[in-house]
Amino acid sequence: MYKVIKLELCDLEGYITDGKGGVSRTEEYVVPEDLSVNDLLGGIEERYGESLSDNTEFFNSVFILATVKKHVDNKSLLVLKQSSTSLNASVCRINEICLYLDKDYHNTRYLNNNQECD
């Protein structure tokens, strides 16, 4: 059995404005039924989480809201801090995370109606 997990990835401005400003990206992944949202987010945090050397680096953090599709009342938030201060650091990190997830899970964007998950 499978379920769909929806991820909303955004930078600080995108998170504050609920996607109306800044950078935001929404992806949906088909995952095994026994994979919890917390396990998925924990894997992302283990791979991409960093500790901050000072508070100014918080501005390049990536915010990930995760929900199981059809269960939108249960949202989980993960804030990935990163030490980079470059201008587009959060955009690059969002793209890296999506590429990482595309390797292990089926992105619903690429599935058509006749295709099944392995």
Foldseek 3Di string as FASTA:
>chain_A
DKFKKKKKKFFPVCVVVVNPDHDIDIWIWIDHPPQDPVNVVVVLCVVQADDEPDDVQLRLKMWMWMDTPPGVVDIDIDIGGDHDPDDCNNVVSVVVSVVVVVVPTPIVVPDDPVDDDD
